[in-house]
Amino acid sequence: AGVPAAWAAAGAGLRHAAEAATAAQRLPDRPWHDVRRLDVDVLLWRLRAQGDLAAFVERVIGPLLAHDASARPALLPTLESYLARGGRKAETARELHLNRQTLYDRLGRIARLLGTDLEDPEAVLSLGLALRARRYAG
């Protein structure tokens, strides 16, 4: 949680570390998590009890979740990989073992399903947050 500047700050650091440890339980298994890199996950974990988090996930990626529940190929892994690689299509295609045209087709279907532009930074931020929030909204 970092080195506190004073004893008074130690309590806040420990509380943050405890919240981060609880939030990390919903993350993919790893040998360890750096608490300094979990701020967004801690924030989402705190918001989970307010009910708005589930509504946010449904609003942003609900159509994609519904599609994947009833159709193939599942498009959610494509979106997750695309966002994890910062929108780099060539890397995403390699990671998913797809040719680029197949990836472009899937990204087009995702954009149409969600009614969004995958090149828009605000949309990408919302999608990334919704994908992460899904771990806590459920």
N, C-alpha and C. Protein backbone atom coordinates (compact mmCIF):
# COMPACT_ATOMS: atom_id res chain seq x y z
N ALA A 1 0.82 -1.20 0.00
CA ALA A 1 0.00 0.00 0.00
C ALA A 1 0.85 1.25 0.00
N GLY A 2 2.14 1.08 -0.07
CA GLY A 2 3.03 2.24 -0.07
C GLY A 2 3.50 2.56 1.33
N VAL A 3 4.41 3.49 1.42
CA VAL A 3 4.97 3.90 2.71
C VAL A 3 4.22 5.13 3.19
N PRO A 4 3.58 5.05 4.36
CA PRO A 4 2.85 6.23 4.84
C PRO A 4 3.83 7.30 5.31
N ALA A 5 3.45 8.55 5.12
CA ALA A 5 4.28 9.68 5.55
C ALA A 5 4.23 9.85 7.06
N ALA A 6 3.14 9.44 7.68
CA ALA A 6 2.98 9.57 9.13
C ALA A 6 2.12 8.42 9.63
N TRP A 7 2.16 8.20 10.94
CA TRP A 7 1.36 7.11 11.51
C TRP A 7 -0.13 7.30 11.26
N ALA A 8 -0.56 8.53 11.22
CA ALA A 8 -1.99 8.80 10.98
C ALA A 8 -2.42 8.29 9.61
N ALA A 9 -1.52 8.30 8.66
CA ALA A 9 -1.85 7.84 7.31
C ALA A 9 -1.78 6.31 7.19
N ALA A 10 -1.18 5.65 8.15
CA ALA A 10 -1.03 4.19 8.08
C ALA A 10 -2.39 3.49 8.07
N GLY A 11 -3.32 4.01 8.86
CA GLY A 11 -4.66 3.40 8.92
C GLY A 11 -5.36 3.43 7.58
N ALA A 12 -5.30 4.56 6.90
CA ALA A 12 -5.93 4.67 5.59
C ALA A 12 -5.27 3.73 4.59
N GLY A 13 -3.95 3.63 4.66
CA GLY A 13 -3.24 2.71 3.77
C GLY A 13 -3.61 1.26 4.01
N LEU A 14 -3.75 0.90 5.27
CA LEU A 14 -4.14 -0.47 5.61
C LEU A 14 -5.57 -0.76 5.18
N ARG A 15 -6.47 0.22 5.38
CA ARG A 15 -7.86 0.03 4.91
C ARG A 15 -7.90 -0.17 3.40
N HIS A 16 -7.12 0.66 2.68
CA HIS A 16 -7.07 0.52 1.23
C HIS A 16 -6.52 -0.84 0.83
N ALA A 17 -5.48 -1.30 1.50
CA ALA A 17 -4.90 -2.61 1.20
C ALA A 17 -5.92 -3.72 1.46
N ALA A 18 -6.69 -3.60 2.55
CA ALA A 18 -7.70 -4.61 2.85
C ALA A 18 -8.80 -4.62 1.79
N GLU A 19 -9.25 -3.44 1.36
CA GLU A 19 -10.27 -3.37 0.30
C GLU A 19 -9.72 -3.93 -1.00
N ALA A 20 -8.47 -3.61 -1.30
CA ALA A 20 -7.85 -4.12 -2.53
C ALA A 20 -7.75 -5.63 -2.48
N ALA A 21 -7.43 -6.19 -1.32
CA ALA A 21 -7.34 -7.65 -1.19
C ALA A 21 -8.71 -8.29 -1.41
N THR A 22 -9.75 -7.67 -0.90
CA THR A 22 -11.10 -8.19 -1.10
C THR A 22 -11.51 -8.08 -2.56
N ALA A 23 -11.23 -6.93 -3.17
CA ALA A 23 -11.56 -6.75 -4.59
C ALA A 23 -10.77 -7.71 -5.46
N ALA A 24 -9.53 -7.99 -5.11
CA ALA A 24 -8.67 -8.87 -5.92
C ALA A 24 -9.19 -10.31 -5.94
N GLN A 25 -10.04 -10.67 -5.00
CA GLN A 25 -10.59 -12.03 -5.01
C GLN A 25 -11.42 -12.30 -6.25
N ARG A 26 -11.93 -11.25 -6.89
CA ARG A 26 -12.74 -11.40 -8.11
C ARG A 26 -11.89 -11.32 -9.37
N LEU A 27 -10.61 -11.06 -9.24
CA LEU A 27 -9.72 -10.94 -10.39
C LEU A 27 -9.18 -12.30 -10.80
N PRO A 28 -8.66 -12.41 -12.01
CA PRO A 28 -8.04 -13.67 -12.41
C PRO A 28 -6.92 -14.04 -11.44
N ASP A 29 -6.76 -15.34 -11.21
CA ASP A 29 -5.74 -15.82 -10.28
C ASP A 29 -4.35 -15.39 -10.71
N ARG A 30 -3.60 -14.87 -9.76
CA ARG A 30 -2.21 -14.50 -9.94
C ARG A 30 -1.49 -14.78 -8.63
N PRO A 31 -0.19 -14.95 -8.68
CA PRO A 31 0.53 -15.19 -7.42
C PRO A 31 0.44 -14.00 -6.46
N TRP A 32 0.33 -12.79 -7.00
CA TRP A 32 0.22 -11.59 -6.18
C TRP A 32 -0.38 -10.46 -7.00
N HIS A 33 -0.91 -9.47 -6.32
CA HIS A 33 -1.47 -8.27 -6.95
C HIS A 33 -0.82 -7.05 -6.31
N ASP A 34 -0.45 -6.09 -7.11
CA ASP A 34 0.11 -4.83 -6.62
C ASP A 34 -1.05 -3.92 -6.27
N VAL A 35 -1.19 -3.59 -5.00
CA VAL A 35 -2.33 -2.80 -4.54
C VAL A 35 -2.37 -1.43 -5.24
N ARG A 36 -1.22 -0.93 -5.65
CA ARG A 36 -1.20 0.37 -6.31
C ARG A 36 -1.81 0.31 -7.71
N ARG A 37 -1.95 -0.87 -8.27
CA ARG A 37 -2.53 -1.01 -9.61
C ARG A 37 -4.00 -1.42 -9.55
N LEU A 38 -4.57 -1.48 -8.38
CA LEU A 38 -5.95 -1.95 -8.23
C LEU A 38 -6.94 -0.83 -7.91
N ASP A 39 -6.55 0.43 -8.08
CA ASP A 39 -7.44 1.52 -7.69
C ASP A 39 -8.78 1.47 -8.40
N VAL A 40 -8.80 1.17 -9.69
CA VAL A 40 -10.07 1.10 -10.42
C VAL A 40 -10.90 -0.07 -9.90
N ASP A 41 -10.26 -1.21 -9.65
CA ASP A 41 -11.00 -2.35 -9.13
C ASP A 41 -11.56 -2.08 -7.73
N VAL A 42 -10.80 -1.38 -6.89
CA VAL A 42 -11.31 -1.02 -5.56
C VAL A 42 -12.50 -0.08 -5.70
N LEU A 43 -12.41 0.88 -6.59
CA LEU A 43 -13.53 1.80 -6.82
C LEU A 43 -14.77 1.03 -7.28
N LEU A 44 -14.62 0.13 -8.24
CA LEU A 44 -15.76 -0.65 -8.72
C LEU A 44 -16.31 -1.55 -7.61
N TRP A 45 -15.42 -2.13 -6.82
CA TRP A 45 -15.86 -2.98 -5.71
C TRP A 45 -16.69 -2.18 -4.72
N ARG A 46 -16.27 -0.93 -4.45
CA ARG A 46 -17.03 -0.07 -3.53
C ARG A 46 -18.41 0.27 -4.09
N LEU A 47 -18.51 0.41 -5.40
CA LEU A 47 -19.78 0.79 -6.03
C LEU A 47 -20.75 -0.38 -6.17
N ARG A 48 -20.29 -1.58 -5.97
CA ARG A 48 -21.11 -2.77 -6.23
C ARG A 48 -22.40 -2.79 -5.42
N ALA A 49 -22.36 -2.30 -4.20
CA ALA A 49 -23.52 -2.38 -3.31
C ALA A 49 -24.60 -1.37 -3.66
N GLN A 50 -24.31 -0.42 -4.51
CA GLN A 50 -25.29 0.63 -4.79
C GLN A 50 -26.26 0.27 -5.91
N GLY A 51 -26.06 -0.86 -6.57
CA GLY A 51 -26.99 -1.28 -7.61
C GLY A 51 -26.77 -0.61 -8.95
N ASP A 52 -26.17 0.55 -8.93
CA ASP A 52 -25.91 1.25 -10.18
C ASP A 52 -24.86 0.55 -11.02
N LEU A 53 -24.00 -0.19 -10.38
CA LEU A 53 -22.93 -0.86 -11.10
C LEU A 53 -23.50 -1.91 -12.06
N ALA A 54 -24.44 -2.71 -11.59
CA ALA A 54 -25.08 -3.71 -12.45
C ALA A 54 -25.83 -3.03 -13.59
N ALA A 55 -26.49 -1.92 -13.30
CA ALA A 55 -27.21 -1.19 -14.34
C ALA A 55 -26.23 -0.63 -15.38
N PHE A 56 -25.09 -0.15 -14.93
CA PHE A 56 -24.06 0.36 -15.83
C PHE A 56 -23.57 -0.76 -16.76
N VAL A 57 -23.27 -1.92 -16.20
CA VAL A 57 -22.80 -3.05 -17.01
C VAL A 57 -23.85 -3.42 -18.04
N GLU A 58 -25.08 -3.51 -17.62
CA GLU A 58 -26.17 -3.88 -18.53
C GLU A 58 -26.34 -2.85 -19.64
N ARG A 59 -26.26 -1.58 -19.29
CA ARG A 59 -26.43 -0.52 -20.27
C ARG A 59 -25.30 -0.52 -21.30
N VAL A 60 -24.07 -0.74 -20.85
CA VAL A 60 -22.92 -0.62 -21.74
C VAL A 60 -22.67 -1.89 -22.55
N ILE A 61 -22.73 -3.07 -21.91
CA ILE A 61 -22.41 -4.31 -22.65
C ILE A 61 -23.53 -5.34 -22.60
N GLY A 62 -24.69 -4.96 -22.13
CA GLY A 62 -25.81 -5.90 -22.05
C GLY A 62 -26.14 -6.59 -23.36
N PRO A 63 -26.26 -5.85 -24.47
CA PRO A 63 -26.57 -6.52 -25.74
C PRO A 63 -25.50 -7.55 -26.14
N LEU A 64 -24.27 -7.29 -25.82
CA LEU A 64 -23.20 -8.23 -26.13
C LEU A 64 -23.30 -9.47 -25.25
N LEU A 65 -23.61 -9.28 -23.98
CA LEU A 65 -23.80 -10.43 -23.08
C LEU A 65 -24.98 -11.28 -23.54
N ALA A 66 -26.07 -10.63 -23.95
CA ALA A 66 -27.24 -11.37 -24.44
C ALA A 66 -26.90 -12.13 -25.71
N HIS A 67 -26.16 -11.51 -26.60
CA HIS A 67 -25.74 -12.17 -27.84
C HIS A 67 -24.94 -13.42 -27.53
N ASP A 68 -23.95 -13.28 -26.64
CA ASP A 68 -23.07 -14.40 -26.35
C ASP A 68 -23.78 -15.54 -25.64
N ALA A 69 -24.88 -15.23 -24.96
CA ALA A 69 -25.65 -16.28 -24.29
C ALA A 69 -26.41 -17.14 -25.27
N SER A 70 -26.64 -16.61 -26.49
CA SER A 70 -27.49 -17.35 -27.43
C SER A 70 -26.88 -17.58 -28.81
N ALA A 71 -25.71 -17.05 -29.08
CA ALA A 71 -25.17 -17.16 -30.43
C ALA A 71 -23.68 -17.47 -30.39
N ARG A 72 -23.19 -17.98 -31.48
CA ARG A 72 -21.76 -18.26 -31.64
C ARG A 72 -21.30 -17.62 -32.93
N PRO A 73 -20.09 -17.14 -33.03
CA PRO A 73 -19.07 -17.20 -32.00
C PRO A 73 -19.34 -16.15 -30.92
N ALA A 74 -18.86 -16.45 -29.72
CA ALA A 74 -18.95 -15.49 -28.63
C ALA A 74 -18.08 -14.29 -28.97
N LEU A 75 -18.63 -13.10 -28.79
CA LEU A 75 -17.91 -11.89 -29.16
C LEU A 75 -17.23 -11.21 -27.98
N LEU A 76 -17.63 -11.55 -26.76
CA LEU A 76 -17.05 -10.93 -25.59
C LEU A 76 -15.53 -11.15 -25.50
N PRO A 77 -15.03 -12.36 -25.74
CA PRO A 77 -13.57 -12.54 -25.70
C PRO A 77 -12.84 -11.69 -26.75
N THR A 78 -13.48 -11.46 -27.87
CA THR A 78 -12.88 -10.60 -28.90
C THR A 78 -12.75 -9.17 -28.38
N LEU A 79 -13.82 -8.66 -27.78
CA LEU A 79 -13.77 -7.30 -27.24
C LEU A 79 -12.74 -7.20 -26.11
N GLU A 80 -12.72 -8.18 -25.22
CA GLU A 80 -11.75 -8.16 -24.12
C GLU A 80 -10.32 -8.15 -24.64
N SER A 81 -10.04 -8.98 -25.62
CA SER A 81 -8.69 -9.02 -26.18
C SER A 81 -8.34 -7.73 -26.89
N TYR A 82 -9.28 -7.20 -27.64
CA TYR A 82 -9.07 -5.95 -28.38
C TYR A 82 -8.74 -4.80 -27.42
N LEU A 83 -9.50 -4.69 -26.34
CA LEU A 83 -9.26 -3.62 -25.38
C LEU A 83 -7.98 -3.86 -24.59
N ALA A 84 -7.69 -5.10 -24.25
CA ALA A 84 -6.46 -5.42 -23.51
C ALA A 84 -5.21 -5.07 -24.31
N ARG A 85 -5.35 -5.06 -25.62
CA ARG A 85 -4.22 -4.73 -26.49
C ARG A 85 -4.28 -3.29 -26.99
N GLY A 86 -5.04 -2.47 -26.32
CA GLY A 86 -5.11 -1.05 -26.65
C GLY A 86 -5.64 -0.76 -28.02
N GLY A 87 -6.53 -1.62 -28.53
CA GLY A 87 -7.12 -1.39 -29.84
C GLY A 87 -6.22 -1.76 -31.01
N ARG A 88 -5.13 -2.43 -30.73
CA ARG A 88 -4.22 -2.85 -31.81
C ARG A 88 -4.76 -4.12 -32.45
N LYS A 89 -5.25 -3.96 -33.65
CA LYS A 89 -5.96 -5.04 -34.33
C LYS A 89 -5.04 -6.19 -34.72
N ALA A 90 -3.85 -5.90 -35.19
CA ALA A 90 -2.94 -6.97 -35.60
C ALA A 90 -2.59 -7.85 -34.40
N GLU A 91 -2.31 -7.22 -33.26
CA GLU A 91 -2.00 -8.00 -32.05
C GLU A 91 -3.21 -8.82 -31.61
N THR A 92 -4.37 -8.21 -31.68
CA THR A 92 -5.59 -8.91 -31.27
C THR A 92 -5.84 -10.12 -32.17
N ALA A 93 -5.69 -9.94 -33.46
CA ALA A 93 -5.90 -11.06 -34.40
C ALA A 93 -4.92 -12.19 -34.11
N ARG A 94 -3.66 -11.84 -33.85
CA ARG A 94 -2.67 -12.89 -33.52
C ARG A 94 -3.04 -13.61 -32.24
N GLU A 95 -3.42 -12.85 -31.22
CA GLU A 95 -3.76 -13.45 -29.93
C GLU A 95 -4.94 -14.41 -30.04
N LEU A 96 -5.92 -14.04 -30.86
CA LEU A 96 -7.13 -14.85 -31.01
C LEU A 96 -7.02 -15.89 -32.12
N HIS A 97 -5.87 -15.91 -32.80
CA HIS A 97 -5.65 -16.84 -33.92
C HIS A 97 -6.71 -16.67 -35.00
N LEU A 98 -6.95 -15.39 -35.36
CA LEU A 98 -7.91 -15.05 -36.40
C LEU A 98 -7.19 -14.33 -37.53
N ASN A 99 -7.74 -14.45 -38.74
CA ASN A 99 -7.19 -13.58 -39.77
C ASN A 99 -7.80 -12.19 -39.55
N ARG A 100 -7.15 -11.18 -40.10
CA ARG A 100 -7.57 -9.82 -39.80
C ARG A 100 -8.98 -9.51 -40.26
N GLN A 101 -9.39 -10.06 -41.40
CA GLN A 101 -10.74 -9.79 -41.89
C GLN A 101 -11.79 -10.35 -40.95
N THR A 102 -11.55 -11.54 -40.39
CA THR A 102 -12.48 -12.11 -39.42
C THR A 102 -12.56 -11.22 -38.18
N LEU A 103 -11.40 -10.72 -37.73
CA LEU A 103 -11.41 -9.81 -36.59
C LEU A 103 -12.20 -8.55 -36.91
N TYR A 104 -11.97 -7.97 -38.08
CA TYR A 104 -12.70 -6.76 -38.48
C TYR A 104 -14.20 -7.02 -38.51
N ASP A 105 -14.59 -8.19 -39.01
CA ASP A 105 -16.02 -8.53 -39.03
C ASP A 105 -16.59 -8.61 -37.62
N ARG A 106 -15.85 -9.26 -36.72
CA ARG A 106 -16.32 -9.38 -35.34
C ARG A 106 -16.40 -8.02 -34.66
N LEU A 107 -15.39 -7.19 -34.85
CA LEU A 107 -15.42 -5.85 -34.25
C LEU A 107 -16.59 -5.03 -34.80
N GLY A 108 -16.87 -5.19 -36.09
CA GLY A 108 -18.02 -4.51 -36.67
C GLY A 108 -19.33 -4.98 -36.06
N ARG A 109 -19.45 -6.29 -35.83
CA ARG A 109 -20.66 -6.83 -35.19
C ARG A 109 -20.79 -6.32 -33.76
N ILE A 110 -19.67 -6.26 -33.05
CA ILE A 110 -19.69 -5.74 -31.68
C ILE A 110 -20.15 -4.28 -31.68
N ALA A 111 -19.58 -3.48 -32.56
CA ALA A 111 -19.95 -2.06 -32.64
C ALA A 111 -21.43 -1.89 -32.96
N ARG A 112 -21.95 -2.69 -33.88
CA ARG A 112 -23.37 -2.60 -34.22
C ARG A 112 -24.25 -3.06 -33.06
N LEU A 113 -23.89 -4.17 -32.41
CA LEU A 113 -24.68 -4.66 -31.27
C LEU A 113 -24.76 -3.62 -30.15
N LEU A 114 -23.63 -2.97 -29.89
CA LEU A 114 -23.56 -2.02 -28.78
C LEU A 114 -23.93 -0.60 -29.20
N GLY A 115 -24.04 -0.37 -30.49
CA GLY A 115 -24.37 0.96 -30.98
C GLY A 115 -23.29 1.98 -30.61
N THR A 116 -22.04 1.57 -30.76
CA THR A 116 -20.94 2.43 -30.35
C THR A 116 -19.81 2.39 -31.36
N ASP A 117 -18.90 3.32 -31.24
CA ASP A 117 -17.73 3.42 -32.10
C ASP A 117 -16.53 2.94 -31.30
N LEU A 118 -15.91 1.85 -31.71
CA LEU A 118 -14.78 1.28 -30.98
C LEU A 118 -13.50 2.10 -31.14
N GLU A 119 -13.57 3.18 -31.91
CA GLU A 119 -12.43 4.08 -32.05
C GLU A 119 -12.57 5.31 -31.15
N ASP A 120 -13.75 5.49 -30.55
CA ASP A 120 -14.02 6.64 -29.69
C ASP A 120 -13.44 6.39 -28.30
N PRO A 121 -12.52 7.24 -27.83
CA PRO A 121 -11.89 7.02 -26.52
C PRO A 121 -12.88 6.94 -25.37
N GLU A 122 -13.93 7.73 -25.38
CA GLU A 122 -14.93 7.68 -24.31
C GLU A 122 -15.67 6.33 -24.32
N ALA A 123 -16.01 5.86 -25.51
CA ALA A 123 -16.68 4.56 -25.63
C ALA A 123 -15.76 3.44 -25.16
N VAL A 124 -14.50 3.51 -25.54
CA VAL A 124 -13.53 2.50 -25.13
C VAL A 124 -13.37 2.49 -23.61
N LEU A 125 -13.32 3.67 -23.00
CA LEU A 125 -13.24 3.76 -21.54
C LEU A 125 -14.46 3.11 -20.89
N SER A 126 -15.65 3.44 -21.38
CA SER A 126 -16.88 2.85 -20.83
C SER A 126 -16.89 1.34 -20.98
N LEU A 127 -16.50 0.87 -22.15
CA LEU A 127 -16.47 -0.58 -22.38
C LEU A 127 -15.48 -1.27 -21.45
N GLY A 128 -14.30 -0.70 -21.31
CA GLY A 128 -13.30 -1.29 -20.42
C GLY A 128 -13.77 -1.32 -18.98
N LEU A 129 -14.40 -0.24 -18.53
CA LEU A 129 -14.92 -0.21 -17.16
C LEU A 129 -16.05 -1.21 -16.98
N ALA A 130 -16.92 -1.32 -17.97
CA ALA A 130 -18.04 -2.27 -17.87
C ALA A 130 -17.52 -3.71 -17.82
N LEU A 131 -16.50 -4.01 -18.60
CA LEU A 131 -15.94 -5.36 -18.56
C LEU A 131 -15.35 -5.66 -17.19
N ARG A 132 -14.66 -4.69 -16.61
CA ARG A 132 -14.10 -4.88 -15.27
C ARG A 132 -15.19 -4.92 -14.22
N ALA A 133 -16.20 -4.07 -14.35
CA ALA A 133 -17.28 -3.99 -13.36
C ALA A 133 -18.10 -5.27 -13.33
N ARG A 134 -18.13 -5.98 -14.45
CA ARG A 134 -18.90 -7.23 -14.52
C ARG A 134 -18.49 -8.21 -13.42
N ARG A 135 -17.23 -8.17 -13.02
CA ARG A 135 -16.74 -9.06 -11.95
C ARG A 135 -17.43 -8.78 -10.62
N TYR A 136 -17.78 -7.52 -10.41
CA TYR A 136 -18.31 -7.10 -9.11
C TYR A 136 -19.83 -6.90 -9.12
N ALA A 137 -20.40 -6.76 -10.29
CA ALA A 137 -21.83 -6.44 -10.37
C ALA A 137 -22.73 -7.63 -10.14
N GLY A 138 -22.15 -8.81 -10.23
CA GLY A 138 -22.94 -9.96 -10.31
C GLY A 138 -23.55 -10.76 -9.31
